[in-house]
């Protein structure tokens, strides 16, 4: 399963992850929802299950982008 995921990450262009992060990761845009949820997390106000789901939902594209950047960097340094 991990091999399939890594193969998918390698085949998907970086631009798709950037677009995914800038749209879903930042929506709604004023202010970015991910920023609000991270502020709530650091203040200890992230208590409702919906808030946790929302944080995961908006952080997921950024996580994929970071993984893609890491894998790209790793392949160039081999």
PDB file of N, CA and C in Angstrom:
ATOM      1  N   UNK A   1       0.820  -1.190   0.000  1.00  0.00           N
ATOM      2  CA  UNK A   1       0.000   0.000   0.000  1.00  0.00           C
ATOM      3  C   UNK A   1       0.870   1.261   0.000  1.00  0.00           C
ATOM      4  N   UNK A   2       1.935   1.242   0.792  1.00  0.00           N
ATOM      5  CA  UNK A   2       2.835   2.389   0.837  1.00  0.00           C
ATOM      6  C   UNK A   2       3.519   2.592  -0.506  1.00  0.00           C
ATOM      7  N   UNK A   3       3.820   1.490  -1.185  1.00  0.00           N
ATOM      8  CA  UNK A   3       4.448   1.605  -2.500  1.00  0.00           C
ATOM      9  C   UNK A   3       3.500   2.271  -3.492  1.00  0.00           C
ATOM     10  N   UNK A   4       2.211   1.951  -3.416  1.00  0.00           N
ATOM     11  CA  UNK A   4       1.230   2.585  -4.294  1.00  0.00           C
ATOM     12  C   UNK A   4       1.132   4.082  -4.011  1.00  0.00           C
ATOM     13  N   UNK A   5       1.157   4.437  -2.738  1.00  0.00           N
ATOM     14  CA  UNK A   5       1.084   5.842  -2.363  1.00  0.00           C
ATOM     15  C   UNK A   5       2.306   6.601  -2.875  1.00  0.00           C
ATOM     16  N   UNK A   6       3.481   6.033  -2.695  1.00  0.00           N
ATOM     17  CA  UNK A   6       4.698   6.688  -3.165  1.00  0.00           C
ATOM     18  C   UNK A   6       4.725   6.792  -4.684  1.00  0.00           C
ATOM     19  N   UNK A   7       4.232   5.766  -5.358  1.00  0.00           N
ATOM     20  CA  UNK A   7       4.153   5.812  -6.823  1.00  0.00           C
ATOM     21  C   UNK A   7       3.202   6.931  -7.266  1.00  0.00           C
ATOM     22  N   UNK A   8       2.063   7.039  -6.589  1.00  0.00           N
ATOM     23  CA  UNK A   8       1.100   8.102  -6.901  1.00  0.00           C
ATOM     24  C   UNK A   8       1.705   9.482  -6.643  1.00  0.00           C
ATOM     25  N   UNK A   9       2.425   9.623  -5.532  1.00  0.00           N
ATOM     26  CA  UNK A   9       3.070  10.901  -5.211  1.00  0.00           C
ATOM     27  C   UNK A   9       4.097  11.265  -6.287  1.00  0.00           C
ATOM     28  N   UNK A  10       4.853  10.288  -6.762  1.00  0.00           N
ATOM     29  CA  UNK A  10       5.869  10.552  -7.773  1.00  0.00           C
ATOM     30  C   UNK A  10       5.265  10.909  -9.124  1.00  0.00           C
ATOM     31  N   UNK A  11       4.119  10.301  -9.460  1.00  0.00           N
ATOM     32  CA  UNK A  11       3.500  10.563 -10.761  1.00  0.00           C
ATOM     33  C   UNK A  11       2.715  11.872 -10.796  1.00  0.00           C
ATOM     34  N   UNK A  12       2.241  12.329  -9.663  1.00  0.00           N
ATOM     35  CA  UNK A  12       1.430  13.542  -9.623  1.00  0.00           C
ATOM     36  C   UNK A  12       2.343  14.765  -9.670  1.00  0.00           C
ATOM     37  N   UNK A  13       2.076  15.708 -10.569  1.00  0.00           N
ATOM     38  CA  UNK A  13       2.939  16.897 -10.661  1.00  0.00           C
ATOM     39  C   UNK A  13       2.830  17.792  -9.424  1.00  0.00           C
ATOM     40  N   UNK A  14       3.925  18.435  -9.122  1.00  0.00           N
ATOM     41  CA  UNK A  14       3.982  19.340  -7.971  1.00  0.00           C
ATOM     42  C   UNK A  14       2.926  20.426  -8.065  1.00  0.00           C
ATOM     43  N   UNK A  15       2.649  20.897  -9.255  1.00  0.00           N
ATOM     44  CA  UNK A  15       1.667  21.972  -9.426  1.00  0.00           C
ATOM     45  C   UNK A  15       0.289  21.577  -8.906  1.00  0.00           C
ATOM     46  N   UNK A  16      -0.072  20.318  -9.014  1.00  0.00           N
ATOM     47  CA  UNK A  16      -1.372  19.867  -8.501  1.00  0.00           C
ATOM     48  C   UNK A  16      -1.436  20.005  -6.979  1.00  0.00           C
ATOM     49  N   UNK A  17      -0.347  19.693  -6.310  1.00  0.00           N
ATOM     50  CA  UNK A  17      -0.317  19.820  -4.850  1.00  0.00           C
ATOM     51  C   UNK A  17      -0.347  21.290  -4.430  1.00  0.00           C
ATOM     52  N   UNK A  18       0.314  22.142  -5.206  1.00  0.00           N
ATOM     53  CA  UNK A  18       0.298  23.580  -4.909  1.00  0.00           C
ATOM     54  C   UNK A  18      -1.121  24.123  -5.077  1.00  0.00           C
ATOM     55  N   UNK A  19      -1.779  23.772  -6.163  1.00  0.00           N
ATOM     56  CA  UNK A  19      -3.150  24.240  -6.402  1.00  0.00           C
ATOM     57  C   UNK A  19      -4.087  23.710  -5.315  1.00  0.00           C
ATOM     58  N   UNK A  20      -3.942  22.450  -4.970  1.00  0.00           N
ATOM     59  CA  UNK A  20      -4.750  21.828  -3.927  1.00  0.00           C
ATOM     60  C   UNK A  20      -4.569  22.558  -2.598  1.00  0.00           C
ATOM     61  N   UNK A  21      -3.332  22.904  -2.271  1.00  0.00           N
ATOM     62  CA  UNK A  21      -3.055  23.592  -1.006  1.00  0.00           C
ATOM     63  C   UNK A  21      -3.586  25.014  -0.997  1.00  0.00           C
ATOM     64  N   UNK A  22      -3.437  25.710  -2.116  1.00  0.00           N
ATOM     65  CA  UNK A  22      -3.873  27.109  -2.158  1.00  0.00           C
ATOM     66  C   UNK A  22      -5.395  27.252  -2.222  1.00  0.00           C
ATOM     67  N   UNK A  23      -6.080  26.250  -2.709  1.00  0.00           N
ATOM     68  CA  UNK A  23      -7.540  26.344  -2.775  1.00  0.00           C
ATOM     69  C   UNK A  23      -8.176  25.747  -1.524  1.00  0.00           C
ATOM     70  N   UNK A  24      -8.117  24.440  -1.374  1.00  0.00           N
ATOM     71  CA  UNK A  24      -8.743  23.783  -0.230  1.00  0.00           C
ATOM     72  C   UNK A  24      -8.019  24.097   1.071  1.00  0.00           C
ATOM     73  N   UNK A  25      -6.711  24.227   1.009  1.00  0.00           N
ATOM     74  CA  UNK A  25      -5.941  24.472   2.229  1.00  0.00           C
ATOM     75  C   UNK A  25      -6.146  25.848   2.828  1.00  0.00           C
ATOM     76  N   UNK A  26      -6.492  26.825   2.013  1.00  0.00           N
ATOM     77  CA  UNK A  26      -6.670  28.190   2.512  1.00  0.00           C
ATOM     78  C   UNK A  26      -8.128  28.642   2.576  1.00  0.00           C
ATOM     79  N   UNK A  27      -9.030  27.940   1.917  1.00  0.00           N
ATOM     80  CA  UNK A  27     -10.435  28.377   1.871  1.00  0.00           C
ATOM     81  C   UNK A  27     -11.065  28.336   3.255  1.00  0.00           C
ATOM     82  N   UNK A  28     -11.941  29.228   3.595  1.00  0.00           N
ATOM     83  CA  UNK A  28     -12.214  30.529   2.983  1.00  0.00           C
ATOM     84  C   UNK A  28     -11.009  31.439   3.146  1.00  0.00           C
ATOM     85  N   UNK A  29     -10.864  32.354   2.249  1.00  0.00           N
ATOM     86  CA  UNK A  29      -9.594  33.064   2.103  1.00  0.00           C
ATOM     87  C   UNK A  29      -9.391  34.257   3.022  1.00  0.00           C
ATOM     88  N   UNK A  30     -10.432  34.816   3.586  1.00  0.00           N
ATOM     89  CA  UNK A  30     -10.251  35.994   4.450  1.00  0.00           C
ATOM     90  C   UNK A  30     -10.883  35.763   5.804  1.00  0.00           C
ATOM     91  N   UNK A  31     -10.188  35.484   6.833  1.00  0.00           N
ATOM     92  CA  UNK A  31      -8.797  35.011   6.878  1.00  0.00           C
ATOM     93  C   UNK A  31      -8.746  33.527   6.548  1.00  0.00           C
ATOM     94  N   UNK A  32      -7.566  33.019   6.179  1.00  0.00           N
ATOM     95  CA  UNK A  32      -7.464  31.591   5.869  1.00  0.00           C
ATOM     96  C   UNK A  32      -7.924  30.735   7.058  1.00  0.00           C
ATOM     97  N   UNK A  33      -8.758  29.779   6.768  1.00  0.00           N
ATOM     98  CA  UNK A  33      -9.358  28.950   7.816  1.00  0.00           C
ATOM     99  C   UNK A  33      -8.305  28.149   8.571  1.00  0.00           C
ATOM    100  N   UNK A  34      -7.285  27.711   7.867  1.00  0.00           N
ATOM    101  CA  UNK A  34      -6.235  26.934   8.524  1.00  0.00           C
ATOM    102  C   UNK A  34      -5.536  27.768   9.588  1.00  0.00           C
ATOM    103  N   UNK A  35      -5.373  29.054   9.336  1.00  0.00           N
ATOM    104  CA  UNK A  35      -4.741  29.948  10.313  1.00  0.00           C
ATOM    105  C   UNK A  35      -5.615  30.054  11.560  1.00  0.00           C
ATOM    106  N   UNK A  36      -6.911  30.215  11.361  1.00  0.00           N
ATOM    107  CA  UNK A  36      -7.826  30.297  12.500  1.00  0.00           C
ATOM    108  C   UNK A  36      -7.787  29.015  13.330  1.00  0.00           C
ATOM    109  N   UNK A  37      -7.802  27.871  12.659  1.00  0.00           N
ATOM    110  CA  UNK A  37      -7.804  26.591  13.374  1.00  0.00           C
ATOM    111  C   UNK A  37      -6.484  26.361  14.106  1.00  0.00           C
ATOM    112  N   UNK A  38      -5.368  26.765  13.516  1.00  0.00           N
ATOM    113  CA  UNK A  38      -4.080  26.632  14.204  1.00  0.00           C
ATOM    114  C   UNK A  38      -4.009  27.553  15.413  1.00  0.00           C
ATOM    115  N   UNK A  39      -4.548  28.753  15.301  1.00  0.00           N
ATOM    116  CA  UNK A  39      -4.598  29.664  16.447  1.00  0.00           C
ATOM    117  C   UNK A  39      -5.442  29.062  17.569  1.00  0.00           C
ATOM    118  N   UNK A  40      -6.575  28.468  17.205  1.00  0.00           N
ATOM    119  CA  UNK A  40      -7.420  27.815  18.200  1.00  0.00           C
ATOM    120  C   UNK A  40      -6.675  26.663  18.867  1.00  0.00           C
ATOM    121  N   UNK A  41      -5.919  25.908  18.088  1.00  0.00           N
ATOM    122  CA  UNK A  41      -5.157  24.787  18.630  1.00  0.00           C
ATOM    123  C   UNK A  41      -4.126  25.274  19.642  1.00  0.00           C
ATOM    124  N   UNK A  42      -3.379  26.323  19.289  1.00  0.00           N
ATOM    125  CA  UNK A  42      -2.343  26.821  20.187  1.00  0.00           C
ATOM    126  C   UNK A  42      -2.902  27.495  21.432  1.00  0.00           C
ATOM    127  N   UNK A  43      -4.127  28.034  21.341  1.00  0.00           N
ATOM    128  CA  UNK A  43      -4.774  28.639  22.512  1.00  0.00           C
ATOM    129  C   UNK A  43      -5.519  27.608  23.347  1.00  0.00           C
ATOM    130  N   UNK A  44      -5.597  26.382  22.880  1.00  0.00           N
ATOM    131  CA  UNK A  44      -6.302  25.328  23.601  1.00  0.00           C
ATOM    132  C   UNK A  44      -7.810  25.398  23.440  1.00  0.00           C
ATOM    133  N   UNK A  45      -8.282  26.046  22.396  1.00  0.00           N
ATOM    134  CA  UNK A  45      -9.718  26.215  22.172  1.00  0.00           C
ATOM    135  C   UNK A  45     -10.281  25.227  21.160  1.00  0.00           C
ATOM    136  N   UNK A  46      -9.487  24.315  20.693  1.00  0.00           N
ATOM    137  CA  UNK A  46      -9.932  23.353  19.688  1.00  0.00           C
ATOM    138  C   UNK A  46     -10.514  22.146  20.428  1.00  0.00           C
ATOM    139  N   UNK A  47     -11.780  22.226  20.802  1.00  0.00           N
ATOM    140  CA  UNK A  47     -12.368  21.196  21.660  1.00  0.00           C
ATOM    141  C   UNK A  47     -13.461  20.386  20.974  1.00  0.00           C
ATOM    142  N   UNK A  48     -14.167  20.963  20.031  1.00  0.00           N
ATOM    143  CA  UNK A  48     -15.263  20.251  19.372  1.00  0.00           C
ATOM    144  C   UNK A  48     -14.712  19.312  18.299  1.00  0.00           C
ATOM    145  N   UNK A  49     -15.321  18.136  18.138  1.00  0.00           N
ATOM    146  CA  UNK A  49     -14.879  17.208  17.086  1.00  0.00           C
ATOM    147  C   UNK A  49     -14.918  17.844  15.688  1.00  0.00           C
ATOM    148  N   UNK A  50     -15.886  18.698  15.444  1.00  0.00           N
ATOM    149  CA  UNK A  50     -15.971  19.353  14.147  1.00  0.00           C
ATOM    150  C   UNK A  50     -14.762  20.253  13.900  1.00  0.00           C
ATOM    151  N   UNK A  51     -14.277  20.903  14.959  1.00  0.00           N
ATOM    152  CA  UNK A  51     -13.086  21.747  14.822  1.00  0.00           C
ATOM    153  C   UNK A  51     -11.857  20.906  14.485  1.00  0.00           C
ATOM    154  N   UNK A  52     -11.728  19.750  15.115  1.00  0.00           N
ATOM    155  CA  UNK A  52     -10.603  18.862  14.822  1.00  0.00           C
ATOM    156  C   UNK A  52     -10.670  18.350  13.391  1.00  0.00           C
ATOM    157  N   UNK A  53     -11.883  17.973  12.948  1.00  0.00           N
ATOM    158  CA  UNK A  53     -12.053  17.528  11.565  1.00  0.00           C
ATOM    159  C   UNK A  53     -11.702  18.656  10.599  1.00  0.00           C
ATOM    160  N   UNK A  54     -12.140  19.854  10.916  1.00  0.00           N
ATOM    161  CA  UNK A  54     -11.877  21.008  10.068  1.00  0.00           C
ATOM    162  C   UNK A  54     -10.372  21.283   9.972  1.00  0.00           C
ATOM    163  N   UNK A  55      -9.672  21.183  11.093  1.00  0.00           N
ATOM    164  CA  UNK A  55      -8.219  21.360  11.079  1.00  0.00           C
ATOM    165  C   UNK A  55      -7.567  20.302  10.195  1.00  0.00           C
ATOM    166  N   UNK A  56      -7.971  19.049  10.350  1.00  0.00           N
ATOM    167  CA  UNK A  56      -7.420  17.977   9.518  1.00  0.00           C
ATOM    168  C   UNK A  56      -7.727  18.220   8.049  1.00  0.00           C
ATOM    169  N   UNK A  57      -8.966  18.602   7.755  1.00  0.00           N
ATOM    170  CA  UNK A  57      -9.415  18.811   6.388  1.00  0.00           C
ATOM    171  C   UNK A  57      -8.603  19.899   5.684  1.00  0.00           C
ATOM    172  N   UNK A  58      -8.302  20.992   6.383  1.00  0.00           N
ATOM    173  CA  UNK A  58      -7.560  22.094   5.779  1.00  0.00           C
ATOM    174  C   UNK A  58      -6.046  21.883   5.829  1.00  0.00           C
ATOM    175  N   UNK A  59      -5.572  21.040   6.734  1.00  0.00           N
ATOM    176  CA  UNK A  59      -4.132  20.769   6.828  1.00  0.00           C
ATOM    177  C   UNK A  59      -3.693  19.650   5.887  1.00  0.00           C
ATOM    178  N   UNK A  60      -4.617  18.800   5.473  1.00  0.00           N
ATOM    179  CA  UNK A  60      -4.279  17.654   4.630  1.00  0.00           C
ATOM    180  C   UNK A  60      -3.579  18.052   3.333  1.00  0.00           C
ATOM    181  N   UNK A  61      -4.077  19.051   2.576  1.00  0.00           N
ATOM    182  CA  UNK A  61      -3.369  19.418   1.342  1.00  0.00           C
ATOM    183  C   UNK A  61      -1.948  19.909   1.600  1.00  0.00           C
ATOM    184  N   UNK A  62      -1.764  20.639   2.700  1.00  0.00           N
ATOM    185  CA  UNK A  62      -0.419  21.133   3.037  1.00  0.00           C
ATOM    186  C   UNK A  62       0.504  19.975   3.393  1.00  0.00           C
ATOM    187  N   UNK A  63      -0.032  18.952   4.058  1.00  0.00           N
ATOM    188  CA  UNK A  63       0.766  17.767   4.387  1.00  0.00           C
ATOM    189  C   UNK A  63       1.219  17.044   3.122  1.00  0.00           C
ATOM    190  N   UNK A  64       0.297  16.906   2.169  1.00  0.00           N
ATOM    191  CA  UNK A  64       0.659  16.264   0.905  1.00  0.00           C
ATOM    192  C   UNK A  64       1.715  17.071   0.154  1.00  0.00           C
ATOM    193  N   UNK A  65       1.568  18.395   0.158  1.00  0.00           N
ATOM    194  CA  UNK A  65       2.554  19.252  -0.502  1.00  0.00           C
ATOM    195  C   UNK A  65       3.926  19.096   0.135  1.00  0.00           C
ATOM    196  N   UNK A  66       3.986  19.089   1.450  1.00  0.00           N
ATOM    197  CA  UNK A  66       5.272  18.903   2.134  1.00  0.00           C
ATOM    198  C   UNK A  66       5.887  17.544   1.823  1.00  0.00           C
ATOM    199  N   UNK A  67       5.044  16.499   1.771  1.00  0.00           N
ATOM    200  CA  UNK A  67       5.549  15.169   1.415  1.00  0.00           C
ATOM    201  C   UNK A  67       6.103  15.157   0.000  1.00  0.00           C
ATOM    202  N   UNK A  68       5.382  15.796  -0.927  1.00  0.00           N
ATOM    203  CA  UNK A  68       5.829  15.854  -2.321  1.00  0.00           C
ATOM    204  C   UNK A  68       7.161  16.602  -2.432  1.00  0.00           C
ATOM    205  N   UNK A  69       7.271  17.723  -1.738  1.00  0.00           N
ATOM    206  CA  UNK A  69       8.527  18.484  -1.757  1.00  0.00           C
ATOM    207  C   UNK A  69       9.671  17.668  -1.180  1.00  0.00           C
ATOM    208  N   UNK A  70       9.419  16.952  -0.094  1.00  0.00           N
ATOM    209  CA  UNK A  70      10.447  16.118   0.511  1.00  0.00           C
ATOM    210  C   UNK A  70      10.870  14.995  -0.431  1.00  0.00           C
ATOM    211  N   UNK A  71       9.892  14.319  -1.046  1.00  0.00           N
ATOM    212  CA  UNK A  71      10.228  13.228  -1.960  1.00  0.00           C
ATOM    213  C   UNK A  71      11.000  13.735  -3.174  1.00  0.00           C
ATOM    214  N   UNK A  72      10.626  14.889  -3.689  1.00  0.00           N
ATOM    215  CA  UNK A  72      11.331  15.480  -4.823  1.00  0.00           C
ATOM    216  C   UNK A  72      12.765  15.823  -4.433  1.00  0.00           C
ATOM    217  N   UNK A  73      12.937  16.432  -3.284  1.00  0.00           N
ATOM    218  CA  UNK A  73      14.268  16.783  -2.787  1.00  0.00           C
ATOM    219  C   UNK A  73      15.109  15.530  -2.568  1.00  0.00           C
ATOM    220  N   UNK A  74      14.485  14.501  -1.994  1.00  0.00           N
ATOM    221  CA  UNK A  74      15.193  13.243  -1.712  1.00  0.00           C
ATOM    222  C   UNK A  74      15.666  12.568  -3.011  1.00  0.00           C
ATOM    223  N   UNK A  75      14.830  12.572  -4.035  1.00  0.00           N
ATOM    224  CA  UNK A  75      15.201  11.932  -5.303  1.00  0.00           C
ATOM    225  C   UNK A  75      16.315  12.680  -6.000  1.00  0.00           C
ATOM    226  N   UNK A  76      16.346  14.003  -5.852  1.00  0.00           N
ATOM    227  CA  UNK A  76      17.411  14.799  -6.497  1.00  0.00           C
ATOM    228  C   UNK A  76      18.750  14.626  -5.781  1.00  0.00           C
ATOM    229  N   UNK A  77      18.716  14.271  -4.516  1.00  0.00           N
ATOM    230  CA  UNK A  77      19.950  14.134  -3.736  1.00  0.00           C
ATOM    231  C   UNK A  77      20.456  12.700  -3.676  1.00  0.00           C
ATOM    232  N   UNK A  78      19.854  11.796  -4.404  1.00  0.00           N
ATOM    233  CA  UNK A  78      20.339  10.404  -4.411  1.00  0.00           C
ATOM    234  C   UNK A  78      21.471  10.213  -5.375  1.00  0.00           C
TER     235      UNK A  78
END
